[in-house]
Amino acid sequence: MIIVTTEEIPGKTIKKTLGLVRGNTIRARHVGHDISAALKSLVGGEIRDYTKMMAESREQALDRMVEEAESLGANAIVSVKFTTSMIMQSASEILAYGTAVIVE
Protein backbone atom coordinates (compact mmCIF):
# COMPACT_ATOMS: atom_id res chain seq x y z
CA MET A 1 0.00 0.00 0.00
CA ILE A 2 1.36 3.38 -1.02
CA ILE A 3 0.44 6.15 1.43
CA VAL A 4 1.22 9.79 0.62
CA THR A 5 0.20 13.22 1.82
CA THR A 6 0.20 14.58 -1.74
CA GLU A 7 -2.65 14.47 -4.23
CA GLU A 8 -0.57 12.50 -6.74
CA ILE A 9 2.12 9.84 -6.60
CA PRO A 10 5.18 10.60 -8.74
CA GLY A 11 5.56 7.99 -11.49
CA LYS A 12 2.06 6.58 -10.94
CA THR A 13 -1.27 7.28 -12.60
CA ILE A 14 -4.50 7.25 -10.62
CA LYS A 15 -6.84 4.95 -12.54
CA LYS A 16 -9.77 5.00 -10.17
CA THR A 17 -10.81 6.95 -7.08
CA LEU A 18 -12.60 4.80 -4.53
CA GLY A 19 -13.42 7.44 -1.94
CA LEU A 20 -12.72 8.61 1.56
CA VAL A 21 -11.11 6.19 4.00
CA ARG A 22 -10.39 6.79 7.64
CA GLY A 23 -9.12 5.18 10.79
CA ASN A 24 -9.28 6.46 14.31
CA THR A 25 -8.48 5.62 17.89
CA ILE A 26 -9.40 7.21 21.18
CA ARG A 27 -6.92 6.99 24.01
CA ALA A 28 -7.24 7.95 27.66
CA ARG A 29 -4.31 9.07 29.74
CA HIS A 30 -3.24 7.02 32.74
CA VAL A 31 -3.49 8.80 36.11
CA GLY A 32 -0.03 7.60 37.10
CA HIS A 33 1.42 9.07 33.92
CA ASP A 34 -0.38 12.35 34.63
CA ILE A 35 1.40 12.61 37.97
CA SER A 36 4.82 11.98 36.44
CA ALA A 37 3.98 14.40 33.60
CA ALA A 38 3.07 17.11 36.11
CA LEU A 39 6.41 16.59 37.86
CA LYS A 40 8.23 16.62 34.53
CA SER A 41 6.55 19.91 33.59
CA LEU A 42 8.23 21.52 36.59
CA VAL A 43 11.71 20.76 35.28
CA GLY A 44 10.95 20.65 31.55
CA GLY A 45 11.76 18.09 28.92
CA GLU A 46 10.01 15.40 26.93
CA ILE A 47 7.20 13.42 28.51
CA ARG A 48 8.17 10.07 27.02
CA ASP A 49 5.06 8.16 28.11
CA TYR A 50 2.82 10.58 26.21
CA THR A 51 5.14 10.63 23.20
CA LYS A 52 4.97 6.83 23.05
CA MET A 53 1.18 6.82 23.48
CA MET A 54 0.69 9.35 20.67
CA ALA A 55 3.02 7.46 18.31
CA GLU A 56 1.15 4.21 18.97
CA SER A 57 -2.17 5.99 18.43
CA ARG A 58 -1.05 7.41 15.07
CA GLU A 59 0.08 3.97 13.91
CA GLN A 60 -3.19 2.37 14.98
CA ALA A 61 -5.23 5.04 13.18
CA LEU A 62 -3.09 4.54 10.03
CA ASP A 63 -3.49 0.76 10.22
CA ARG A 64 -7.27 1.09 10.46
CA MET A 65 -7.34 3.50 7.51
CA VAL A 66 -5.26 1.07 5.42
CA GLU A 67 -7.60 -1.82 6.34
CA GLU A 68 -10.57 0.18 5.08
CA ALA A 69 -8.76 1.08 1.85
CA GLU A 70 -7.79 -2.54 1.24
CA SER A 71 -11.39 -3.64 1.76
CA LEU A 72 -12.32 -1.31 -1.11
CA GLY A 73 -9.63 -2.80 -3.34
CA ALA A 74 -7.28 0.20 -3.19
CA ASN A 75 -3.54 -0.09 -3.64
CA ALA A 76 -2.79 3.49 -2.52
CA ILE A 77 -4.10 6.31 -0.37
CA VAL A 78 -3.48 9.93 -1.37
CA SER A 79 -3.98 13.23 0.46
CA VAL A 80 -3.48 11.60 3.86
CA LYS A 81 -3.94 13.85 6.88
CA PHE A 82 -4.12 13.52 10.64
CA THR A 83 -6.33 15.39 13.06
CA THR A 84 -6.79 15.18 16.77
CA SER A 85 -9.53 16.28 19.12
CA MET A 86 -10.22 16.14 22.82
CA ILE A 87 -13.13 13.83 23.65
CA MET A 88 -13.12 14.52 27.37
CA GLN A 89 -10.64 15.93 29.86
CA SER A 90 -8.34 12.90 29.81
CA ALA A 91 -9.08 11.32 26.40
CA SER A 92 -8.15 12.31 22.86
CA GLU A 93 -9.02 11.01 19.41
CA ILE A 94 -6.55 10.69 16.57
CA LEU A 95 -8.06 10.42 13.10
CA ALA A 96 -6.16 9.54 9.93
CA TYR A 97 -7.98 10.08 6.65
CA GLY A 98 -7.32 10.19 2.94
CA THR A 99 -8.61 9.16 -0.48
CA ALA A 100 -8.39 5.48 -1.50
CA VAL A 101 -7.29 5.03 -5.10
CA ILE A 102 -6.08 2.43 -7.57
CA VAL A 103 -2.82 3.40 -9.25
CA GLU A 104 -0.75 1.95 -12.06
C-alpha atoms as a PDB file:
ATOM      1  CA  MET A   1       0.000   0.000   0.000  1.00  0.00           C
ATOM      2  CA  ILE A   2       1.364   3.384  -1.015  1.00  0.00           C
ATOM      3  CA  ILE A   3       0.441   6.148   1.430  1.00  0.00           C
ATOM      4  CA  VAL A   4       1.219   9.787   0.616  1.00  0.00           C
ATOM      5  CA  THR A   5       0.201  13.217   1.816  1.00  0.00           C
ATOM      6  CA  THR A   6       0.204  14.583  -1.735  1.00  0.00           C
ATOM      7  CA  GLU A   7      -2.652  14.473  -4.231  1.00  0.00           C
ATOM      8  CA  GLU A   8      -0.569  12.496  -6.739  1.00  0.00           C
ATOM      9  CA  ILE A   9       2.120   9.836  -6.598  1.00  0.00           C
ATOM     10  CA  PRO A  10       5.177  10.597  -8.743  1.00  0.00           C
ATOM     11  CA  GLY A  11       5.556   7.989 -11.493  1.00  0.00           C
ATOM     12  CA  LYS A  12       2.059   6.581 -10.939  1.00  0.00           C
ATOM     13  CA  THR A  13      -1.270   7.277 -12.599  1.00  0.00           C
ATOM     14  CA  ILE A  14      -4.499   7.254 -10.616  1.00  0.00           C
ATOM     15  CA  LYS A  15      -6.835   4.954 -12.541  1.00  0.00           C
ATOM     16  CA  LYS A  16      -9.768   4.996 -10.166  1.00  0.00           C
ATOM     17  CA  THR A  17     -10.810   6.953  -7.079  1.00  0.00           C
ATOM     18  CA  LEU A  18     -12.602   4.798  -4.529  1.00  0.00           C
ATOM     19  CA  GLY A  19     -13.424   7.439  -1.940  1.00  0.00           C
ATOM     20  CA  LEU A  20     -12.716   8.605   1.559  1.00  0.00           C
ATOM     21  CA  VAL A  21     -11.108   6.190   3.999  1.00  0.00           C
ATOM     22  CA  ARG A  22     -10.392   6.786   7.645  1.00  0.00           C
ATOM     23  CA  GLY A  23      -9.123   5.185  10.787  1.00  0.00           C
ATOM     24  CA  ASN A  24      -9.280   6.458  14.310  1.00  0.00           C
ATOM     25  CA  THR A  25      -8.475   5.625  17.886  1.00  0.00           C
ATOM     26  CA  ILE A  26      -9.396   7.210  21.182  1.00  0.00           C
ATOM     27  CA  ARG A  27      -6.915   6.988  24.007  1.00  0.00           C
ATOM     28  CA  ALA A  28      -7.237   7.954  27.658  1.00  0.00           C
ATOM     29  CA  ARG A  29      -4.309   9.070  29.739  1.00  0.00           C
ATOM     30  CA  HIS A  30      -3.240   7.024  32.744  1.00  0.00           C
ATOM     31  CA  VAL A  31      -3.492   8.803  36.113  1.00  0.00           C
ATOM     32  CA  GLY A  32      -0.026   7.598  37.097  1.00  0.00           C
ATOM     33  CA  HIS A  33       1.419   9.066  33.917  1.00  0.00           C
ATOM     34  CA  ASP A  34      -0.378  12.355  34.630  1.00  0.00           C
ATOM     35  CA  ILE A  35       1.404  12.610  37.972  1.00  0.00           C
ATOM     36  CA  SER A  36       4.824  11.984  36.442  1.00  0.00           C
ATOM     37  CA  ALA A  37       3.985  14.404  33.602  1.00  0.00           C
ATOM     38  CA  ALA A  38       3.069  17.106  36.110  1.00  0.00           C
ATOM     39  CA  LEU A  39       6.406  16.592  37.863  1.00  0.00           C
ATOM     40  CA  LYS A  40       8.231  16.623  34.527  1.00  0.00           C
ATOM     41  CA  SER A  41       6.549  19.911  33.591  1.00  0.00           C
ATOM     42  CA  LEU A  42       8.232  21.522  36.594  1.00  0.00           C
ATOM     43  CA  VAL A  43      11.712  20.759  35.279  1.00  0.00           C
ATOM     44  CA  GLY A  44      10.955  20.653  31.549  1.00  0.00           C
ATOM     45  CA  GLY A  45      11.763  18.094  28.917  1.00  0.00           C
ATOM     46  CA  GLU A  46      10.006  15.399  26.932  1.00  0.00           C
ATOM     47  CA  ILE A  47       7.201  13.421  28.514  1.00  0.00           C
ATOM     48  CA  ARG A  48       8.167  10.071  27.020  1.00  0.00           C
ATOM     49  CA  ASP A  49       5.055   8.156  28.108  1.00  0.00           C
ATOM     50  CA  TYR A  50       2.825  10.581  26.207  1.00  0.00           C
ATOM     51  CA  THR A  51       5.143  10.631  23.196  1.00  0.00           C
ATOM     52  CA  LYS A  52       4.967   6.830  23.047  1.00  0.00           C
ATOM     53  CA  MET A  53       1.176   6.820  23.482  1.00  0.00           C
ATOM     54  CA  MET A  54       0.685   9.352  20.672  1.00  0.00           C
ATOM     55  CA  ALA A  55       3.022   7.463  18.315  1.00  0.00           C
ATOM     56  CA  GLU A  56       1.146   4.208  18.975  1.00  0.00           C
ATOM     57  CA  SER A  57      -2.168   5.993  18.431  1.00  0.00           C
ATOM     58  CA  ARG A  58      -1.052   7.406  15.065  1.00  0.00           C
ATOM     59  CA  GLU A  59       0.084   3.971  13.910  1.00  0.00           C
ATOM     60  CA  GLN A  60      -3.194   2.368  14.979  1.00  0.00           C
ATOM     61  CA  ALA A  61      -5.226   5.043  13.175  1.00  0.00           C
ATOM     62  CA  LEU A  62      -3.085   4.542  10.034  1.00  0.00           C
ATOM     63  CA  ASP A  63      -3.488   0.759  10.220  1.00  0.00           C
ATOM     64  CA  ARG A  64      -7.265   1.094  10.458  1.00  0.00           C
ATOM     65  CA  MET A  65      -7.341   3.499   7.507  1.00  0.00           C
ATOM     66  CA  VAL A  66      -5.261   1.068   5.419  1.00  0.00           C
ATOM     67  CA  GLU A  67      -7.602  -1.823   6.339  1.00  0.00           C
ATOM     68  CA  GLU A  68     -10.572   0.184   5.083  1.00  0.00           C
ATOM     69  CA  ALA A  69      -8.762   1.083   1.853  1.00  0.00           C
ATOM     70  CA  GLU A  70      -7.786  -2.544   1.239  1.00  0.00           C
ATOM     71  CA  SER A  71     -11.393  -3.638   1.764  1.00  0.00           C
ATOM     72  CA  LEU A  72     -12.323  -1.305  -1.113  1.00  0.00           C
ATOM     73  CA  GLY A  73      -9.626  -2.803  -3.340  1.00  0.00           C
ATOM     74  CA  ALA A  74      -7.279   0.198  -3.186  1.00  0.00           C
ATOM     75  CA  ASN A  75      -3.538  -0.086  -3.639  1.00  0.00           C
ATOM     76  CA  ALA A  76      -2.786   3.487  -2.524  1.00  0.00           C
ATOM     77  CA  ILE A  77      -4.097   6.313  -0.373  1.00  0.00           C
ATOM     78  CA  VAL A  78      -3.483   9.932  -1.368  1.00  0.00           C
ATOM     79  CA  SER A  79      -3.982  13.231   0.460  1.00  0.00           C
ATOM     80  CA  VAL A  80      -3.475  11.605   3.860  1.00  0.00           C
ATOM     81  CA  LYS A  81      -3.937  13.850   6.875  1.00  0.00           C
ATOM     82  CA  PHE A  82      -4.123  13.519  10.644  1.00  0.00           C
ATOM     83  CA  THR A  83      -6.328  15.385  13.058  1.00  0.00           C
ATOM     84  CA  THR A  84      -6.794  15.179  16.773  1.00  0.00           C
ATOM     85  CA  SER A  85      -9.526  16.277  19.123  1.00  0.00           C
ATOM     86  CA  MET A  86     -10.224  16.143  22.823  1.00  0.00           C
ATOM     87  CA  ILE A  87     -13.129  13.831  23.651  1.00  0.00           C
ATOM     88  CA  MET A  88     -13.120  14.516  27.374  1.00  0.00           C
ATOM     89  CA  GLN A  89     -10.642  15.928  29.858  1.00  0.00           C
ATOM     90  CA  SER A  90      -8.341  12.902  29.807  1.00  0.00           C
ATOM     91  CA  ALA A  91      -9.084  11.320  26.401  1.00  0.00           C
ATOM     92  CA  SER A  92      -8.153  12.309  22.859  1.00  0.00           C
ATOM     93  CA  GLU A  93      -9.022  11.005  19.411  1.00  0.00           C
ATOM     94  CA  ILE A  94      -6.553  10.693  16.566  1.00  0.00           C
ATOM     95  CA  LEU A  95      -8.064  10.419  13.102  1.00  0.00           C
ATOM     96  CA  ALA A  96      -6.157   9.539   9.928  1.00  0.00           C
ATOM     97  CA  TYR A  97      -7.979  10.081   6.651  1.00  0.00           C
ATOM     98  CA  GLY A  98      -7.323  10.191   2.936  1.00  0.00           C
ATOM     99  CA  THR A  99      -8.608   9.157  -0.479  1.00  0.00           C
ATOM    100  CA  ALA A 100      -8.393   5.485  -1.497  1.00  0.00           C
ATOM    101  CA  VAL A 101      -7.290   5.026  -5.103  1.00  0.00           C
ATOM    102  CA  ILE A 102      -6.084   2.432  -7.566  1.00  0.00           C
ATOM    103  CA  VAL A 103      -2.820   3.403  -9.248  1.00  0.00           C
ATOM    104  CA  GLU A 104      -0.749   1.948 -12.060  1.00  0.00           C
END
